[in-house]
Amino acid sequence: MRARLLLLFFLAGCGPMSVQRAEEVCLDRARLAEAPRGTIGVGAGSGGMISDVELTVTSDYLMGRDPSALYDACVYQKSGQPPTRPLYSR
């Protein structure tokens, strides 16, 4: 009985997500396809100068994929429904 309940619980997590949640998840991926994202930090402490650089570049950006088409496909893949609003209306 427990095995069936665990299997049911596991399979419930595999189903499609809501359109709103899929739009949130896919929005970040589409924005990374538009341009790389990064941060730069510089500071001084008792030990001297401190610097930090972080850069995120996705394969979608490197391959020149259209962020809007990527967003639409991602939302449909994750929710089974088209987005409620286009990417560029956000």
PDB file of N, CA and C in Angstrom:
ATOM      1  N   MET A   1       0.824  -1.190   0.000  1.00  0.00           N
ATOM      2  CA  MET A   1       0.000   0.000   0.000  1.00  0.00           C
ATOM      3  C   MET A   1       0.877   1.266   0.000  1.00  0.00           C
ATOM      4  N   ARG A   2       1.917   1.251   0.826  1.00  0.00           N
ATOM      5  CA  ARG A   2       2.808   2.412   0.886  1.00  0.00           C
ATOM      6  C   ARG A   2       3.534   2.638  -0.428  1.00  0.00           C
ATOM      7  N   ALA A   3       3.923   1.542  -1.073  1.00  0.00           N
ATOM      8  CA  ALA A   3       4.624   1.649  -2.353  1.00  0.00           C
ATOM      9  C   ALA A   3       3.726   2.322  -3.389  1.00  0.00           C
ATOM     10  N   ARG A   4       2.456   1.965  -3.401  1.00  0.00           N
ATOM     11  CA  ARG A   4       1.522   2.592  -4.333  1.00  0.00           C
ATOM     12  C   ARG A   4       1.356   4.079  -4.042  1.00  0.00           C
ATOM     13  N   LEU A   5       1.271   4.407  -2.780  1.00  0.00           N
ATOM     14  CA  LEU A   5       1.120   5.808  -2.382  1.00  0.00           C
ATOM     15  C   LEU A   5       2.357   6.620  -2.754  1.00  0.00           C
ATOM     16  N   LEU A   6       3.538   6.061  -2.532  1.00  0.00           N
ATOM     17  CA  LEU A   6       4.771   6.742  -2.911  1.00  0.00           C
ATOM     18  C   LEU A   6       4.870   6.915  -4.423  1.00  0.00           C
ATOM     19  N   LEU A   7       4.478   5.893  -5.166  1.00  0.00           N
ATOM     20  CA  LEU A   7       4.502   5.975  -6.623  1.00  0.00           C
ATOM     21  C   LEU A   7       3.535   7.048  -7.108  1.00  0.00           C
ATOM     22  N   LEU A   8       2.362   7.115  -6.525  1.00  0.00           N
ATOM     23  CA  LEU A   8       1.375   8.130  -6.892  1.00  0.00           C
ATOM     24  C   LEU A   8       1.902   9.528  -6.581  1.00  0.00           C
ATOM     25  N   PHE A   9       2.535   9.688  -5.443  1.00  0.00           N
ATOM     26  CA  PHE A   9       3.110  10.980  -5.057  1.00  0.00           C
ATOM     27  C   PHE A   9       4.221  11.386  -6.024  1.00  0.00           C
ATOM     28  N   PHE A  10       5.054  10.427  -6.401  1.00  0.00           N
ATOM     29  CA  PHE A  10       6.152  10.698  -7.330  1.00  0.00           C
ATOM     30  C   PHE A  10       5.626  11.095  -8.703  1.00  0.00           C
ATOM     31  N   LEU A  11       4.636  10.386  -9.194  1.00  0.00           N
ATOM     32  CA  LEU A  11       4.081  10.674 -10.512  1.00  0.00           C
ATOM     33  C   LEU A  11       3.326  11.999 -10.544  1.00  0.00           C
ATOM     34  N   ALA A  12       2.781  12.430  -9.430  1.00  0.00           N
ATOM     35  CA  ALA A  12       2.077  13.715  -9.379  1.00  0.00           C
ATOM     36  C   ALA A  12       3.036  14.863  -9.650  1.00  0.00           C
ATOM     37  N   GLY A  13       4.288  14.715  -9.284  1.00  0.00           N
ATOM     38  CA  GLY A  13       5.290  15.743  -9.531  1.00  0.00           C
ATOM     39  C   GLY A  13       5.750  15.795 -10.976  1.00  0.00           C
ATOM     40  N   CYS A  14       5.423  14.795 -11.758  1.00  0.00           N
ATOM     41  CA  CYS A  14       5.852  14.735 -13.157  1.00  0.00           C
ATOM     42  C   CYS A  14       4.858  15.390 -14.109  1.00  0.00           C
ATOM     43  N   GLY A  15       3.694  15.726 -13.629  1.00  0.00           N
ATOM     44  CA  GLY A  15       2.662  16.301 -14.487  1.00  0.00           C
ATOM     45  C   GLY A  15       2.981  17.723 -14.891  1.00  0.00           C
ATOM     46  N   PRO A  16       2.186  18.261 -15.805  1.00  0.00           N
ATOM     47  CA  PRO A  16       2.429  19.629 -16.259  1.00  0.00           C
ATOM     48  C   PRO A  16       2.185  20.636 -15.141  1.00  0.00           C
ATOM     49  N   MET A  17       2.908  21.749 -15.198  1.00  0.00           N
ATOM     50  CA  MET A  17       2.727  22.801 -14.204  1.00  0.00           C
ATOM     51  C   MET A  17       1.721  23.815 -14.732  1.00  0.00           C
ATOM     52  N   SER A  18       1.297  24.713 -13.896  1.00  0.00           N
ATOM     53  CA  SER A  18       0.348  25.741 -14.317  1.00  0.00           C
ATOM     54  C   SER A  18       1.010  26.664 -15.334  1.00  0.00           C
ATOM     55  N   VAL A  19       0.196  27.302 -16.157  1.00  0.00           N
ATOM     56  CA  VAL A  19       0.723  28.222 -17.169  1.00  0.00           C
ATOM     57  C   VAL A  19       1.469  29.371 -16.500  1.00  0.00           C
ATOM     58  N   GLN A  20       0.942  29.882 -15.398  1.00  0.00           N
ATOM     59  CA  GLN A  20       1.585  31.002 -14.711  1.00  0.00           C
ATOM     60  C   GLN A  20       2.967  30.619 -14.206  1.00  0.00           C
ATOM     61  N   ARG A  21       3.083  29.434 -13.629  1.00  0.00           N
ATOM     62  CA  ARG A  21       4.388  28.985 -13.117  1.00  0.00           C
ATOM     63  C   ARG A  21       5.356  28.740 -14.277  1.00  0.00           C
ATOM     64  N   ALA A  22       4.855  28.148 -15.358  1.00  0.00           N
ATOM     65  CA  ALA A  22       5.700  27.909 -16.528  1.00  0.00           C
ATOM     66  C   ALA A  22       6.194  29.227 -17.112  1.00  0.00           C
ATOM     67  N   GLU A  23       5.350  30.247 -17.131  1.00  0.00           N
ATOM     68  CA  GLU A  23       5.771  31.558 -17.640  1.00  0.00           C
ATOM     69  C   GLU A  23       6.881  32.153 -16.792  1.00  0.00           C
ATOM     70  N   GLU A  24       6.795  31.984 -15.476  1.00  0.00           N
ATOM     71  CA  GLU A  24       7.844  32.496 -14.592  1.00  0.00           C
ATOM     72  C   GLU A  24       9.175  31.792 -14.858  1.00  0.00           C
ATOM     73  N   VAL A  25       9.134  30.477 -14.969  1.00  0.00           N
ATOM     74  CA  VAL A  25      10.345  29.696 -15.183  1.00  0.00           C
ATOM     75  C   VAL A  25      10.961  30.027 -16.545  1.00  0.00           C
ATOM     76  N   CYS A  26      10.115  30.107 -17.564  1.00  0.00           N
ATOM     77  CA  CYS A  26      10.603  30.308 -18.930  1.00  0.00           C
ATOM     78  C   CYS A  26      11.036  31.753 -19.184  1.00  0.00           C
ATOM     79  N   LEU A  27      10.523  32.692 -18.417  1.00  0.00           N
ATOM     80  CA  LEU A  27      10.911  34.087 -18.580  1.00  0.00           C
ATOM     81  C   LEU A  27      12.406  34.266 -18.317  1.00  0.00           C
ATOM     82  N   ASP A  28      12.913  33.619 -17.305  1.00  0.00           N
ATOM     83  CA  ASP A  28      14.338  33.719 -16.995  1.00  0.00           C
ATOM     84  C   ASP A  28      15.178  33.127 -18.121  1.00  0.00           C
ATOM     85  N   ARG A  29      14.746  31.998 -18.657  1.00  0.00           N
ATOM     86  CA  ARG A  29      15.489  31.380 -19.760  1.00  0.00           C
ATOM     87  C   ARG A  29      15.479  32.284 -21.000  1.00  0.00           C
ATOM     88  N   ALA A  30      14.346  32.903 -21.285  1.00  0.00           N
ATOM     89  CA  ALA A  30      14.250  33.787 -22.449  1.00  0.00           C
ATOM     90  C   ALA A  30      15.128  35.024 -22.267  1.00  0.00           C
ATOM     91  N   ARG A  31      15.178  35.557 -21.063  1.00  0.00           N
ATOM     92  CA  ARG A  31      16.021  36.736 -20.821  1.00  0.00           C
ATOM     93  C   ARG A  31      17.501  36.401 -20.959  1.00  0.00           C
ATOM     94  N   LEU A  32      17.883  35.209 -20.565  1.00  0.00           N
ATOM     95  CA  LEU A  32      19.276  34.797 -20.744  1.00  0.00           C
ATOM     96  C   LEU A  32      19.599  34.555 -22.217  1.00  0.00           C
ATOM     97  N   ALA A  33      18.592  34.249 -23.030  1.00  0.00           N
ATOM     98  CA  ALA A  33      18.809  34.073 -24.464  1.00  0.00           C
ATOM     99  C   ALA A  33      18.998  35.420 -25.158  1.00  0.00           C
ATOM    100  N   GLU A  34      18.481  36.491 -24.544  1.00  0.00           N
ATOM    101  CA  GLU A  34      18.637  37.833 -25.116  1.00  0.00           C
ATOM    102  C   GLU A  34      20.055  38.366 -24.942  1.00  0.00           C
ATOM    103  N   ALA A  35      20.611  38.171 -23.755  1.00  0.00           N
ATOM    104  CA  ALA A  35      21.935  38.721 -23.453  1.00  0.00           C
ATOM    105  C   ALA A  35      22.527  37.997 -22.242  1.00  0.00           C
ATOM    106  N   PRO A  36      23.827  37.931 -22.167  1.00  0.00           N
ATOM    107  CA  PRO A  36      24.459  37.353 -20.974  1.00  0.00           C
ATOM    108  C   PRO A  36      24.147  38.200 -19.739  1.00  0.00           C
ATOM    109  N   ARG A  37      24.237  37.584 -18.595  1.00  0.00           N
ATOM    110  CA  ARG A  37      23.982  38.280 -17.334  1.00  0.00           C
ATOM    111  C   ARG A  37      25.211  38.118 -16.453  1.00  0.00           C
ATOM    112  N   GLY A  38      25.546  39.142 -15.710  1.00  0.00           N
ATOM    113  CA  GLY A  38      26.702  39.033 -14.853  1.00  0.00           C
ATOM    114  C   GLY A  38      26.738  40.079 -13.770  1.00  0.00           C
ATOM    115  N   THR A  39      27.671  39.887 -12.856  1.00  0.00           N
ATOM    116  CA  THR A  39      27.903  40.838 -11.777  1.00  0.00           C
ATOM    117  C   THR A  39      29.406  41.027 -11.618  1.00  0.00           C
ATOM    118  N   ILE A  40      29.760  42.218 -11.173  1.00  0.00           N
ATOM    119  CA  ILE A  40      31.155  42.532 -10.878  1.00  0.00           C
ATOM    120  C   ILE A  40      31.182  43.178  -9.501  1.00  0.00           C
ATOM    121  N   GLY A  41      32.074  42.715  -8.673  1.00  0.00           N
ATOM    122  CA  GLY A  41      32.222  43.292  -7.346  1.00  0.00           C
ATOM    123  C   GLY A  41      33.677  43.618  -7.077  1.00  0.00           C
ATOM    124  N   VAL A  42      33.905  44.804  -6.522  1.00  0.00           N
ATOM    125  CA  VAL A  42      35.255  45.233  -6.169  1.00  0.00           C
ATOM    126  C   VAL A  42      35.177  45.857  -4.785  1.00  0.00           C
ATOM    127  N   GLY A  43      36.142  45.540  -3.974  1.00  0.00           N
ATOM    128  CA  GLY A  43      36.158  46.099  -2.632  1.00  0.00           C
ATOM    129  C   GLY A  43      37.560  46.092  -2.048  1.00  0.00           C
ATOM    130  N   ALA A  44      37.652  46.738  -0.932  1.00  0.00           N
ATOM    131  CA  ALA A  44      38.934  46.780  -0.220  1.00  0.00           C
ATOM    132  C   ALA A  44      38.690  46.343   1.212  1.00  0.00           C
ATOM    133  N   GLY A  45      39.575  45.532   1.688  1.00  0.00           N
ATOM    134  CA  GLY A  45      39.482  45.067   3.056  1.00  0.00           C
ATOM    135  C   GLY A  45      40.843  45.122   3.714  1.00  0.00           C
ATOM    136  N   SER A  46      40.912  44.600   4.932  1.00  0.00           N
ATOM    137  CA  SER A  46      42.175  44.626   5.654  1.00  0.00           C
ATOM    138  C   SER A  46      43.225  43.751   4.957  1.00  0.00           C
ATOM    139  N   GLY A  47      42.775  42.812   4.140  1.00  0.00           N
ATOM    140  CA  GLY A  47      43.705  41.946   3.428  1.00  0.00           C
ATOM    141  C   GLY A  47      44.079  42.481   2.055  1.00  0.00           C
ATOM    142  N   GLY A  48      43.581  43.642   1.693  1.00  0.00           N
ATOM    143  CA  GLY A  48      43.891  44.218   0.379  1.00  0.00           C
ATOM    144  C   GLY A  48      42.646  44.300  -0.495  1.00  0.00           C
ATOM    145  N   MET A  49      42.872  44.398  -1.783  1.00  0.00           N
ATOM    146  CA  MET A  49      41.771  44.518  -2.745  1.00  0.00           C
ATOM    147  C   MET A  49      41.099  43.162  -2.952  1.00  0.00           C
ATOM    148  N   ILE A  50      39.792  43.213  -3.093  1.00  0.00           N
ATOM    149  CA  ILE A  50      38.998  42.007  -3.336  1.00  0.00           C
ATOM    150  C   ILE A  50      38.162  42.251  -4.588  1.00  0.00           C
ATOM    151  N   SER A  51      38.131  41.275  -5.480  1.00  0.00           N
ATOM    152  CA  SER A  51      37.289  41.407  -6.665  1.00  0.00           C
ATOM    153  C   SER A  51      36.559  40.097  -6.924  1.00  0.00           C
ATOM    154  N   ASP A  52      35.409  40.219  -7.570  1.00  0.00           N
ATOM    155  CA  ASP A  52      34.592  39.056  -7.871  1.00  0.00           C
ATOM    156  C   ASP A  52      33.876  39.311  -9.190  1.00  0.00           C
ATOM    157  N   VAL A  53      33.919  38.355 -10.087  1.00  0.00           N
ATOM    158  CA  VAL A  53      33.240  38.458 -11.368  1.00  0.00           C
ATOM    159  C   VAL A  53      32.447  37.187 -11.593  1.00  0.00           C
ATOM    160  N   GLU A  54      31.184  37.346 -11.982  1.00  0.00           N
ATOM    161  CA  GLU A  54      30.334  36.203 -12.299  1.00  0.00           C
ATOM    162  C   GLU A  54      29.618  36.504 -13.611  1.00  0.00           C
ATOM    163  N   LEU A  55      29.683  35.587 -14.559  1.00  0.00           N
ATOM    164  CA  LEU A  55      29.066  35.788 -15.863  1.00  0.00           C
ATOM    165  C   LEU A  55      28.303  34.529 -16.246  1.00  0.00           C
ATOM    166  N   THR A  56      27.049  34.705 -16.661  1.00  0.00           N
ATOM    167  CA  THR A  56      26.217  33.597 -17.109  1.00  0.00           C
ATOM    168  C   THR A  56      25.912  33.780 -18.585  1.00  0.00           C
ATOM    169  N   VAL A  57      26.368  32.834 -19.393  1.00  0.00           N
ATOM    170  CA  VAL A  57      26.116  32.844 -20.834  1.00  0.00           C
ATOM    171  C   VAL A  57      25.504  31.495 -21.178  1.00  0.00           C
ATOM    172  N   THR A  58      24.334  31.508 -21.839  1.00  0.00           N
ATOM    173  CA  THR A  58      23.669  30.254 -22.170  1.00  0.00           C
ATOM    174  C   THR A  58      23.930  29.854 -23.621  1.00  0.00           C
ATOM    175  N   SER A  59      23.719  28.584 -23.898  1.00  0.00           N
ATOM    176  CA  SER A  59      23.859  28.101 -25.268  1.00  0.00           C
ATOM    177  C   SER A  59      22.799  28.723 -26.176  1.00  0.00           C
ATOM    178  N   ASP A  60      21.642  29.067 -25.614  1.00  0.00           N
ATOM    179  CA  ASP A  60      20.596  29.723 -26.404  1.00  0.00           C
ATOM    180  C   ASP A  60      21.098  31.065 -26.944  1.00  0.00           C
ATOM    181  N   TYR A  61      21.832  31.806 -26.131  1.00  0.00           N
ATOM    182  CA  TYR A  61      22.392  33.085 -26.565  1.00  0.00           C
ATOM    183  C   TYR A  61      23.489  32.866 -27.612  1.00  0.00           C
ATOM    184  N   LEU A  62      24.365  31.913 -27.345  1.00  0.00           N
ATOM    185  CA  LEU A  62      25.471  31.657 -28.265  1.00  0.00           C
ATOM    186  C   LEU A  62      24.988  31.180 -29.639  1.00  0.00           C
ATOM    187  N   MET A  63      23.872  30.462 -29.658  1.00  0.00           N
ATOM    188  CA  MET A  63      23.337  29.957 -30.921  1.00  0.00           C
ATOM    189  C   MET A  63      22.391  30.957 -31.590  1.00  0.00           C
ATOM    190  N   GLY A  64      22.158  32.091 -30.954  1.00  0.00           N
ATOM    191  CA  GLY A  64      21.334  33.139 -31.550  1.00  0.00           C
ATOM    192  C   GLY A  64      19.854  32.801 -31.631  1.00  0.00           C
ATOM    193  N   ARG A  65      19.355  32.016 -30.694  1.00  0.00           N
ATOM    194  CA  ARG A  65      17.940  31.641 -30.713  1.00  0.00           C
ATOM    195  C   ARG A  65      17.053  32.837 -30.375  1.00  0.00           C
ATOM    196  N   ASP A  66      15.885  32.865 -30.995  1.00  0.00           N
ATOM    197  CA  ASP A  66      14.917  33.935 -30.770  1.00  0.00           C
ATOM    198  C   ASP A  66      14.315  33.770 -29.370  1.00  0.00           C
ATOM    199  N   PRO A  67      14.501  34.754 -28.476  1.00  0.00           N
ATOM    200  CA  PRO A  67      13.976  34.628 -27.114  1.00  0.00           C
ATOM    201  C   PRO A  67      12.459  34.444 -27.061  1.00  0.00           C
ATOM    202  N   SER A  68      11.723  35.102 -27.948  1.00  0.00           N
ATOM    203  CA  SER A  68      10.268  34.992 -27.938  1.00  0.00           C
ATOM    204  C   SER A  68       9.821  33.585 -28.332  1.00  0.00           C
ATOM    205  N   ALA A  69      10.420  33.027 -29.369  1.00  0.00           N
ATOM    206  CA  ALA A  69      10.072  31.670 -29.790  1.00  0.00           C
ATOM    207  C   ALA A  69      10.490  30.648 -28.730  1.00  0.00           C
ATOM    208  N   LEU A  70      11.622  30.877 -28.106  1.00  0.00           N
ATOM    209  CA  LEU A  70      12.106  30.014 -27.041  1.00  0.00           C
ATOM    210  C   LEU A  70      11.134  30.033 -25.858  1.00  0.00           C
ATOM    211  N   TYR A  71      10.662  31.229 -25.502  1.00  0.00           N
ATOM    212  CA  TYR A  71       9.708  31.398 -24.405  1.00  0.00           C
ATOM    213  C   TYR A  71       8.405  30.656 -24.700  1.00  0.00           C
ATOM    214  N   ASP A  72       7.864  30.852 -25.903  1.00  0.00           N
ATOM    215  CA  ASP A  72       6.606  30.202 -26.272  1.00  0.00           C
ATOM    216  C   ASP A  72       6.728  28.680 -26.205  1.00  0.00           C
ATOM    217  N   ALA A  73       7.807  28.150 -26.773  1.00  0.00           N
ATOM    218  CA  ALA A  73       8.015  26.701 -26.788  1.00  0.00           C
ATOM    219  C   ALA A  73       8.218  26.154 -25.378  1.00  0.00           C
ATOM    220  N   CYS A  74       8.936  26.886 -24.554  1.00  0.00           N
ATOM    221  CA  CYS A  74       9.204  26.458 -23.183  1.00  0.00           C
ATOM    222  C   CYS A  74       7.907  26.384 -22.367  1.00  0.00           C
ATOM    223  N   VAL A  75       7.080  27.424 -22.467  1.00  0.00           N
ATOM    224  CA  VAL A  75       5.815  27.444 -21.724  1.00  0.00           C
ATOM    225  C   VAL A  75       4.922  26.296 -22.186  1.00  0.00           C
ATOM    226  N   TYR A  76       4.846  26.094 -23.484  1.00  0.00           N
ATOM    227  CA  TYR A  76       3.997  25.011 -24.004  1.00  0.00           C
ATOM    228  C   TYR A  76       4.513  23.647 -23.558  1.00  0.00           C
ATOM    229  N   GLN A  77       5.826  23.477 -23.555  1.00  0.00           N
ATOM    230  CA  GLN A  77       6.423  22.206 -23.145  1.00  0.00           C
ATOM    231  C   GLN A  77       6.145  21.915 -21.671  1.00  0.00           C
ATOM    232  N   LYS A  78       6.229  22.937 -20.829  1.00  0.00           N
ATOM    233  CA  LYS A  78       6.087  22.721 -19.390  1.00  0.00           C
ATOM    234  C   LYS A  78       4.636  22.663 -18.920  1.00  0.00           C
ATOM    235  N   SER A  79       3.719  23.371 -19.612  1.00  0.00           N
ATOM    236  CA  SER A  79       2.337  23.423 -19.148  1.00  0.00           C
ATOM    237  C   SER A  79       1.338  22.743 -20.079  1.00  0.00           C
ATOM    238  N   GLY A  80       1.723  22.527 -21.325  1.00  0.00           N
ATOM    239  CA  GLY A  80       0.792  21.957 -22.283  1.00  0.00           C
ATOM    240  C   GLY A  80      -0.157  22.988 -22.874  1.00  0.00           C
ATOM    241  N   GLN A  81       0.081  24.270 -22.547  1.00  0.00           N
ATOM    242  CA  GLN A  81      -0.763  25.357 -23.035  1.00  0.00           C
ATOM    243  C   GLN A  81       0.120  26.502 -23.512  1.00  0.00           C
ATOM    244  N   PRO A  82      -0.380  27.317 -24.439  1.00  0.00           N
ATOM    245  CA  PRO A  82       0.415  28.470 -24.876  1.00  0.00           C
ATOM    246  C   PRO A  82       0.461  29.530 -23.773  1.00  0.00           C
ATOM    247  N   PRO A  83       1.421  30.448 -23.832  1.00  0.00           N
ATOM    248  CA  PRO A  83       1.498  31.511 -22.818  1.00  0.00           C
ATOM    249  C   PRO A  83       0.261  32.411 -22.873  1.00  0.00           C
ATOM    250  N   THR A  84      -0.084  32.980 -21.738  1.00  0.00           N
ATOM    251  CA  THR A  84      -1.232  33.894 -21.682  1.00  0.00           C
ATOM    252  C   THR A  84      -0.877  35.260 -22.221  1.00  0.00           C
ATOM    253  N   ARG A  85       0.411  35.630 -22.148  1.00  0.00           N
ATOM    254  CA  ARG A  85       0.894  36.908 -22.703  1.00  0.00           C
ATOM    255  C   ARG A  85       2.191  36.659 -23.437  1.00  0.00           C
ATOM    256  N   PRO A  86       2.411  37.372 -24.543  1.00  0.00           N
ATOM    257  CA  PRO A  86       3.691  37.217 -25.233  1.00  0.00           C
ATOM    258  C   PRO A  86       4.859  37.726 -24.390  1.00  0.00           C
ATOM    259  N   LEU A  87       6.037  37.280 -24.704  1.00  0.00           N
ATOM    260  CA  LEU A  87       7.239  37.639 -23.946  1.00  0.00           C
ATOM    261  C   LEU A  87       7.426  39.144 -23.835  1.00  0.00           C
ATOM    262  N   TYR A  88       7.300  39.840 -24.956  1.00  0.00           N
ATOM    263  CA  TYR A  88       7.645  41.274 -24.957  1.00  0.00           C
ATOM    264  C   TYR A  88       6.569  42.167 -24.376  1.00  0.00           C
ATOM    265  N   SER A  89       5.467  41.590 -23.892  1.00  0.00           N
ATOM    266  CA  SER A  89       4.460  42.413 -23.216  1.00  0.00           C
ATOM    267  C   SER A  89       4.703  42.423 -21.705  1.00  0.00           C
ATOM    268  N   ARG A  90       5.730  41.750 -21.258  1.00  0.00           N
ATOM    269  CA  ARG A  90       6.039  41.675 -19.816  1.00  0.00           C
ATOM    270  C   ARG A  90       6.924  42.825 -19.406  1.00  0.00           C
TER     271      ARG A  90
END
